[in-house]
Amino acid sequence: MKSYMLDLNSIEKVKGFVNAIEGFDGYFDLATGRYVIDAKSIMGIFSMDLSKHVEFRILETNDQIAEVEAAIAPYLAQ
């Protein structure tokens, strides 16, 4: 498992993020505190507290780590 902190503090960022990862096969989660959701679920993401950074977890992917990392690069927290 690999994890990254993301900044998804606007509607545009959430839409862009979901569009960026929905084409990848694999399992991805977003977590904040004890709350964990499917990272491909736009409704789930909007139920989170997006005023804080969220943790993006790559649980399983078909050897596409580099491609996923490139797709999420614009959303990485500073």
PDB file of N, CA and C in Angstrom:
ATOM      1  N   MET A   1       0.848  -1.183   0.000  1.00  0.00           N
ATOM      2  CA  MET A   1       0.000   0.000   0.000  1.00  0.00           C
ATOM      3  C   MET A   1       0.884   1.234   0.000  1.00  0.00           C
ATOM      4  N   LYS A   2       0.514   2.203  -0.814  1.00  0.00           N
ATOM      5  CA  LYS A   2       1.176   3.504  -0.823  1.00  0.00           C
ATOM      6  C   LYS A   2       0.118   4.541  -0.472  1.00  0.00           C
ATOM      7  N   SER A   3       0.559   5.618   0.183  1.00  0.00           N
ATOM      8  CA  SER A   3      -0.409   6.662   0.523  1.00  0.00           C
ATOM      9  C   SER A   3       0.187   8.040   0.273  1.00  0.00           C
ATOM     10  N   TYR A   4      -0.695   8.986  -0.001  1.00  0.00           N
ATOM     11  CA  TYR A   4      -0.330  10.360  -0.319  1.00  0.00           C
ATOM     12  C   TYR A   4      -1.359  11.281   0.322  1.00  0.00           C
ATOM     13  N   MET A   5      -0.939  12.465   0.708  1.00  0.00           N
ATOM     14  CA  MET A   5      -1.870  13.457   1.231  1.00  0.00           C
ATOM     15  C   MET A   5      -2.321  14.351   0.074  1.00  0.00           C
ATOM     16  N   LEU A   6      -3.639  14.528  -0.027  1.00  0.00           N
ATOM     17  CA  LEU A   6      -4.213  15.316  -1.114  1.00  0.00           C
ATOM     18  C   LEU A   6      -4.948  16.530  -0.580  1.00  0.00           C
ATOM     19  N   ASP A   7      -5.028  17.537  -1.427  1.00  0.00           N
ATOM     20  CA  ASP A   7      -5.779  18.751  -1.139  1.00  0.00           C
ATOM     21  C   ASP A   7      -6.936  18.803  -2.135  1.00  0.00           C
ATOM     22  N   LEU A   8      -8.131  18.474  -1.688  1.00  0.00           N
ATOM     23  CA  LEU A   8      -9.322  18.455  -2.547  1.00  0.00           C
ATOM     24  C   LEU A   8     -10.349  19.460  -2.022  1.00  0.00           C
ATOM     25  N   ASN A   9      -9.937  20.713  -1.902  1.00  0.00           N
ATOM     26  CA  ASN A   9     -10.764  21.711  -1.231  1.00  0.00           C
ATOM     27  C   ASN A   9     -11.701  22.496  -2.147  1.00  0.00           C
ATOM     28  N   SER A  10     -11.955  21.997  -3.362  1.00  0.00           N
ATOM     29  CA  SER A  10     -12.916  22.671  -4.244  1.00  0.00           C
ATOM     30  C   SER A  10     -13.648  21.629  -5.086  1.00  0.00           C
ATOM     31  N   ILE A  11     -14.796  22.026  -5.587  1.00  0.00           N
ATOM     32  CA  ILE A  11     -15.594  21.127  -6.433  1.00  0.00           C
ATOM     33  C   ILE A  11     -14.805  20.734  -7.675  1.00  0.00           C
ATOM     34  N   GLU A  12     -14.100  21.689  -8.266  1.00  0.00           N
ATOM     35  CA  GLU A  12     -13.321  21.413  -9.469  1.00  0.00           C
ATOM     36  C   GLU A  12     -12.219  20.393  -9.198  1.00  0.00           C
ATOM     37  N   LYS A  13     -11.555  20.508  -8.046  1.00  0.00           N
ATOM     38  CA  LYS A  13     -10.499  19.550  -7.707  1.00  0.00           C
ATOM     39  C   LYS A  13     -11.074  18.153  -7.504  1.00  0.00           C
ATOM     40  N   VAL A  14     -12.219  18.048  -6.856  1.00  0.00           N
ATOM     41  CA  VAL A  14     -12.834  16.739  -6.632  1.00  0.00           C
ATOM     42  C   VAL A  14     -13.221  16.111  -7.970  1.00  0.00           C
ATOM     43  N   LYS A  15     -13.859  16.874  -8.838  1.00  0.00           N
ATOM     44  CA  LYS A  15     -14.247  16.348 -10.149  1.00  0.00           C
ATOM     45  C   LYS A  15     -13.026  15.911 -10.946  1.00  0.00           C
ATOM     46  N   GLY A  16     -11.994  16.747 -10.970  1.00  0.00           N
ATOM     47  CA  GLY A  16     -10.776  16.416 -11.700  1.00  0.00           C
ATOM     48  C   GLY A  16     -10.094  15.178 -11.157  1.00  0.00           C
ATOM     49  N   PHE A  17     -10.048  15.070  -9.824  1.00  0.00           N
ATOM     50  CA  PHE A  17      -9.434  13.911  -9.191  1.00  0.00           C
ATOM     51  C   PHE A  17     -10.176  12.625  -9.558  1.00  0.00           C
ATOM     52  N   VAL A  18     -11.493  12.625  -9.430  1.00  0.00           N
ATOM     53  CA  VAL A  18     -12.280  11.420  -9.743  1.00  0.00           C
ATOM     54  C   VAL A  18     -12.115  11.058 -11.216  1.00  0.00           C
ATOM     55  N   ASN A  19     -12.153  12.050 -12.100  1.00  0.00           N
ATOM     56  CA  ASN A  19     -11.950  11.777 -13.527  1.00  0.00           C
ATOM     57  C   ASN A  19     -10.559  11.199 -13.787  1.00  0.00           C
ATOM     58  N   ALA A  20      -9.572  11.661 -13.037  1.00  0.00           N
ATOM     59  CA  ALA A  20      -8.194  11.194 -13.237  1.00  0.00           C
ATOM     60  C   ALA A  20      -8.002   9.740 -12.833  1.00  0.00           C
ATOM     61  N   ILE A  21      -8.681   9.296 -11.783  1.00  0.00           N
ATOM     62  CA  ILE A  21      -8.420   7.922 -11.309  1.00  0.00           C
ATOM     63  C   ILE A  21      -9.476   6.897 -11.719  1.00  0.00           C
ATOM     64  N   GLU A  22     -10.627   7.343 -12.217  1.00  0.00           N
ATOM     65  CA  GLU A  22     -11.671   6.363 -12.520  1.00  0.00           C
ATOM     66  C   GLU A  22     -11.298   5.432 -13.666  1.00  0.00           C
ATOM     67  N   GLY A  23     -10.356   5.801 -14.489  1.00  0.00           N
ATOM     68  CA  GLY A  23      -9.948   4.938 -15.591  1.00  0.00           C
ATOM     69  C   GLY A  23      -8.959   3.856 -15.207  1.00  0.00           C
ATOM     70  N   PHE A  24      -8.455   3.894 -13.996  1.00  0.00           N
ATOM     71  CA  PHE A  24      -7.480   2.904 -13.549  1.00  0.00           C
ATOM     72  C   PHE A  24      -8.179   1.723 -12.894  1.00  0.00           C
ATOM     73  N   ASP A  25      -7.693   0.516 -13.227  1.00  0.00           N
ATOM     74  CA  ASP A  25      -8.155  -0.675 -12.522  1.00  0.00           C
ATOM     75  C   ASP A  25      -7.423  -0.730 -11.200  1.00  0.00           C
ATOM     76  N   GLY A  26      -8.103  -1.112 -10.167  1.00  0.00           N
ATOM     77  CA  GLY A  26      -7.468  -1.231  -8.867  1.00  0.00           C
ATOM     78  C   GLY A  26      -8.381  -0.726  -7.771  1.00  0.00           C
ATOM     79  N   TYR A  27      -7.842  -0.720  -6.563  1.00  0.00           N
ATOM     80  CA  TYR A  27      -8.608  -0.295  -5.392  1.00  0.00           C
ATOM     81  C   TYR A  27      -7.911   0.898  -4.752  1.00  0.00           C
ATOM     82  N   PHE A  28      -8.672   1.973  -4.587  1.00  0.00           N
ATOM     83  CA  PHE A  28      -8.159   3.211  -4.044  1.00  0.00           C
ATOM     84  C   PHE A  28      -9.123   3.717  -2.982  1.00  0.00           C
ATOM     85  N   ASP A  29      -8.581   4.178  -1.864  1.00  0.00           N
ATOM     86  CA  ASP A  29      -9.396   4.734  -0.782  1.00  0.00           C
ATOM     87  C   ASP A  29      -8.967   6.160  -0.484  1.00  0.00           C
ATOM     88  N   LEU A  30      -9.896   6.909   0.103  1.00  0.00           N
ATOM     89  CA  LEU A  30      -9.583   8.201   0.703  1.00  0.00           C
ATOM     90  C   LEU A  30      -9.951   8.089   2.166  1.00  0.00           C
ATOM     91  N   ALA A  31      -9.104   8.644   3.026  1.00  0.00           N
ATOM     92  CA  ALA A  31      -9.355   8.537   4.468  1.00  0.00           C
ATOM     93  C   ALA A  31      -9.104   9.873   5.142  1.00  0.00           C
ATOM     94  N   THR A  32      -9.921  10.151   6.136  1.00  0.00           N
ATOM     95  CA  THR A  32      -9.707  11.268   7.041  1.00  0.00           C
ATOM     96  C   THR A  32     -10.184  10.800   8.407  1.00  0.00           C
ATOM     97  N   GLY A  33      -9.277  10.799   9.355  1.00  0.00           N
ATOM     98  CA  GLY A  33      -9.614  10.243  10.664  1.00  0.00           C
ATOM     99  C   GLY A  33      -9.954   8.771  10.537  1.00  0.00           C
ATOM    100  N   ARG A  34     -11.095   8.383  11.075  1.00  0.00           N
ATOM    101  CA  ARG A  34     -11.536   6.981  10.983  1.00  0.00           C
ATOM    102  C   ARG A  34     -12.477   6.751   9.812  1.00  0.00           C
ATOM    103  N   TYR A  35     -12.726   7.771   9.033  1.00  0.00           N
ATOM    104  CA  TYR A  35     -13.666   7.711   7.925  1.00  0.00           C
ATOM    105  C   TYR A  35     -12.920   7.332   6.643  1.00  0.00           C
ATOM    106  N   VAL A  36     -13.310   6.225   5.997  1.00  0.00           N
ATOM    107  CA  VAL A  36     -12.660   5.740   4.779  1.00  0.00           C
ATOM    108  C   VAL A  36     -13.728   5.506   3.719  1.00  0.00           C
ATOM    109  N   ILE A  37     -13.445   6.008   2.494  1.00  0.00           N
ATOM    110  CA  ILE A  37     -14.400   5.822   1.397  1.00  0.00           C
ATOM    111  C   ILE A  37     -13.653   5.374   0.138  1.00  0.00           C
ATOM    112  N   ASP A  38     -14.403   4.888  -0.827  1.00  0.00           N
ATOM    113  CA  ASP A  38     -13.867   4.526  -2.134  1.00  0.00           C
ATOM    114  C   ASP A  38     -13.479   5.824  -2.846  1.00  0.00           C
ATOM    115  N   ALA A  39     -12.231   5.936  -3.288  1.00  0.00           N
ATOM    116  CA  ALA A  39     -11.746   7.172  -3.899  1.00  0.00           C
ATOM    117  C   ALA A  39     -12.406   7.481  -5.237  1.00  0.00           C
ATOM    118  N   LYS A  40     -13.067   6.500  -5.832  1.00  0.00           N
ATOM    119  CA  LYS A  40     -13.748   6.736  -7.110  1.00  0.00           C
ATOM    120  C   LYS A  40     -15.183   7.209  -6.915  1.00  0.00           C
ATOM    121  N   SER A  41     -15.633   7.336  -5.686  1.00  0.00           N
ATOM    122  CA  SER A  41     -17.008   7.735  -5.378  1.00  0.00           C
ATOM    123  C   SER A  41     -17.091   9.242  -5.130  1.00  0.00           C
ATOM    124  N   ILE A  42     -17.613   9.963  -6.108  1.00  0.00           N
ATOM    125  CA  ILE A  42     -17.709  11.417  -5.968  1.00  0.00           C
ATOM    126  C   ILE A  42     -18.659  11.786  -4.830  1.00  0.00           C
ATOM    127  N   MET A  43     -19.715  11.022  -4.646  1.00  0.00           N
ATOM    128  CA  MET A  43     -20.644  11.297  -3.539  1.00  0.00           C
ATOM    129  C   MET A  43     -19.960  11.053  -2.195  1.00  0.00           C
ATOM    130  N   GLY A  44     -19.176   9.992  -2.113  1.00  0.00           N
ATOM    131  CA  GLY A  44     -18.440   9.706  -0.893  1.00  0.00           C
ATOM    132  C   GLY A  44     -17.449  10.809  -0.562  1.00  0.00           C
ATOM    133  N   ILE A  45     -16.753  11.303  -1.569  1.00  0.00           N
ATOM    134  CA  ILE A  45     -15.773  12.368  -1.343  1.00  0.00           C
ATOM    135  C   ILE A  45     -16.457  13.622  -0.806  1.00  0.00           C
ATOM    136  N   PHE A  46     -17.604  13.965  -1.374  1.00  0.00           N
ATOM    137  CA  PHE A  46     -18.299  15.163  -0.911  1.00  0.00           C
ATOM    138  C   PHE A  46     -18.883  15.002   0.493  1.00  0.00           C
ATOM    139  N   SER A  47     -18.926  13.781   1.002  1.00  0.00           N
ATOM    140  CA  SER A  47     -19.396  13.585   2.377  1.00  0.00           C
ATOM    141  C   SER A  47     -18.262  13.768   3.390  1.00  0.00           C
ATOM    142  N   MET A  48     -17.043  13.954   2.907  1.00  0.00           N
ATOM    143  CA  MET A  48     -15.884  14.121   3.784  1.00  0.00           C
ATOM    144  C   MET A  48     -15.662  15.595   4.114  1.00  0.00           C
ATOM    145  N   ASP A  49     -14.881  15.849   5.154  1.00  0.00           N
ATOM    146  CA  ASP A  49     -14.474  17.207   5.505  1.00  0.00           C
ATOM    147  C   ASP A  49     -13.302  17.583   4.606  1.00  0.00           C
ATOM    148  N   LEU A  50     -13.581  18.332   3.554  1.00  0.00           N
ATOM    149  CA  LEU A  50     -12.559  18.653   2.568  1.00  0.00           C
ATOM    150  C   LEU A  50     -11.794  19.934   2.901  1.00  0.00           C
ATOM    151  N   SER A  51     -12.067  20.499   4.060  1.00  0.00           N
ATOM    152  CA  SER A  51     -11.286  21.668   4.483  1.00  0.00           C
ATOM    153  C   SER A  51      -9.908  21.238   4.985  1.00  0.00           C
ATOM    154  N   LYS A  52      -9.739  19.941   5.204  1.00  0.00           N
ATOM    155  CA  LYS A  52      -8.466  19.378   5.648  1.00  0.00           C
ATOM    156  C   LYS A  52      -7.923  18.476   4.547  1.00  0.00           C
ATOM    157  N   HIS A  53      -6.645  18.171   4.615  1.00  0.00           N
ATOM    158  CA  HIS A  53      -6.062  17.234   3.661  1.00  0.00           C
ATOM    159  C   HIS A  53      -6.625  15.840   3.909  1.00  0.00           C
ATOM    160  N   VAL A  54      -6.750  15.075   2.839  1.00  0.00           N
ATOM    161  CA  VAL A  54      -7.228  13.703   2.943  1.00  0.00           C
ATOM    162  C   VAL A  54      -6.120  12.761   2.482  1.00  0.00           C
ATOM    163  N   GLU A  55      -6.116  11.562   3.015  1.00  0.00           N
ATOM    164  CA  GLU A  55      -5.107  10.573   2.659  1.00  0.00           C
ATOM    165  C   GLU A  55      -5.634   9.696   1.529  1.00  0.00           C
ATOM    166  N   PHE A  56      -4.886   9.639   0.437  1.00  0.00           N
ATOM    167  CA  PHE A  56      -5.203   8.791  -0.705  1.00  0.00           C
ATOM    168  C   PHE A  56      -4.368   7.527  -0.582  1.00  0.00           C
ATOM    169  N   ARG A  57      -5.029   6.379  -0.618  1.00  0.00           N
ATOM    170  CA  ARG A  57      -4.336   5.098  -0.461  1.00  0.00           C
ATOM    171  C   ARG A  57      -4.498   4.254  -1.721  1.00  0.00           C
ATOM    172  N   ILE A  58      -3.376   3.812  -2.240  1.00  0.00           N
ATOM    173  CA  ILE A  58      -3.392   2.862  -3.353  1.00  0.00           C
ATOM    174  C   ILE A  58      -3.293   1.484  -2.726  1.00  0.00           C
ATOM    175  N   LEU A  59      -4.394   0.761  -2.733  1.00  0.00           N
ATOM    176  CA  LEU A  59      -4.425  -0.554  -2.106  1.00  0.00           C
ATOM    177  C   LEU A  59      -3.969  -1.645  -3.055  1.00  0.00           C
ATOM    178  N   GLU A  60      -4.419  -1.536  -4.298  1.00  0.00           N
ATOM    179  CA  GLU A  60      -4.056  -2.544  -5.293  1.00  0.00           C
ATOM    180  C   GLU A  60      -4.245  -1.940  -6.667  1.00  0.00           C
ATOM    181  N   THR A  61      -3.259  -2.135  -7.521  1.00  0.00           N
ATOM    182  CA  THR A  61      -3.359  -1.689  -8.901  1.00  0.00           C
ATOM    183  C   THR A  61      -2.523  -2.623  -9.761  1.00  0.00           C
ATOM    184  N   ASN A  62      -2.842  -2.702 -11.019  1.00  0.00           N
ATOM    185  CA  ASN A  62      -2.163  -3.627 -11.925  1.00  0.00           C
ATOM    186  C   ASN A  62      -0.882  -3.003 -12.474  1.00  0.00           C
ATOM    187  N   ASP A  63       0.118  -2.860 -11.616  1.00  0.00           N
ATOM    188  CA  ASP A  63       1.431  -2.329 -12.013  1.00  0.00           C
ATOM    189  C   ASP A  63       1.330  -0.976 -12.707  1.00  0.00           C
ATOM    190  N   GLN A  64       0.392  -0.144 -12.271  1.00  0.00           N
ATOM    191  CA  GLN A  64       0.218   1.175 -12.856  1.00  0.00           C
ATOM    192  C   GLN A  64       0.528   2.269 -11.837  1.00  0.00           C
ATOM    193  N   ILE A  65       1.395   1.990 -10.892  1.00  0.00           N
ATOM    194  CA  ILE A  65       1.694   2.958  -9.825  1.00  0.00           C
ATOM    195  C   ILE A  65       2.183   4.275 -10.408  1.00  0.00           C
ATOM    196  N   ALA A  66       3.112   4.223 -11.356  1.00  0.00           N
ATOM    197  CA  ALA A  66       3.672   5.450 -11.937  1.00  0.00           C
ATOM    198  C   ALA A  66       2.593   6.271 -12.633  1.00  0.00           C
ATOM    199  N   GLU A  67       1.690   5.598 -13.328  1.00  0.00           N
ATOM    200  CA  GLU A  67       0.617   6.307 -14.024  1.00  0.00           C
ATOM    201  C   GLU A  67      -0.364   6.942 -13.044  1.00  0.00           C
ATOM    202  N   VAL A  68      -0.686   6.224 -11.973  1.00  0.00           N
ATOM    203  CA  VAL A  68      -1.583   6.763 -10.948  1.00  0.00           C
ATOM    204  C   VAL A  68      -0.921   7.959 -10.266  1.00  0.00           C
ATOM    205  N   GLU A  69       0.359   7.835  -9.932  1.00  0.00           N
ATOM    206  CA  GLU A  69       1.076   8.942  -9.294  1.00  0.00           C
ATOM    207  C   GLU A  69       1.069  10.182 -10.185  1.00  0.00           C
ATOM    208  N   ALA A  70       1.264  10.005 -11.489  1.00  0.00           N
ATOM    209  CA  ALA A  70       1.229  11.137 -12.416  1.00  0.00           C
ATOM    210  C   ALA A  70      -0.163  11.759 -12.482  1.00  0.00           C
ATOM    211  N   ALA A  71      -1.208  10.928 -12.426  1.00  0.00           N
ATOM    212  CA  ALA A  71      -2.584  11.428 -12.505  1.00  0.00           C
ATOM    213  C   ALA A  71      -2.983  12.228 -11.267  1.00  0.00           C
ATOM    214  N   ILE A  72      -2.459  11.851 -10.098  1.00  0.00           N
ATOM    215  CA  ILE A  72      -2.839  12.555  -8.863  1.00  0.00           C
ATOM    216  C   ILE A  72      -1.905  13.713  -8.515  1.00  0.00           C
ATOM    217  N   ALA A  73      -0.825  13.871  -9.270  1.00  0.00           N
ATOM    218  CA  ALA A  73       0.169  14.910  -8.980  1.00  0.00           C
ATOM    219  C   ALA A  73      -0.429  16.309  -8.792  1.00  0.00           C
ATOM    220  N   PRO A  74      -1.411  16.732  -9.606  1.00  0.00           N
ATOM    221  CA  PRO A  74      -1.966  18.079  -9.402  1.00  0.00           C
ATOM    222  C   PRO A  74      -2.732  18.260  -8.089  1.00  0.00           C
ATOM    223  N   TYR A  75      -3.061  17.160  -7.421  1.00  0.00           N
ATOM    224  CA  TYR A  75      -3.886  17.227  -6.212  1.00  0.00           C
ATOM    225  C   TYR A  75      -3.096  16.967  -4.926  1.00  0.00           C
ATOM    226  N   LEU A  76      -1.790  16.753  -5.050  1.00  0.00           N
ATOM    227  CA  LEU A  76      -0.963  16.509  -3.869  1.00  0.00           C
ATOM    228  C   LEU A  76      -0.923  17.736  -2.977  1.00  0.00           C
ATOM    229  N   ALA A  77      -0.984  17.491  -1.672  1.00  0.00           N
ATOM    230  CA  ALA A  77      -0.937  18.586  -0.695  1.00  0.00           C
ATOM    231  C   ALA A  77       0.488  19.136  -0.644  1.00  0.00           C
ATOM    232  N   GLN A  78       0.579  20.419  -0.463  1.00  0.00           N
ATOM    233  CA  GLN A  78       1.902  21.082  -0.374  1.00  0.00           C
ATOM    234  C   GLN A  78       2.466  20.978   1.015  1.00  0.00           C
TER     235      GLN A  78
END
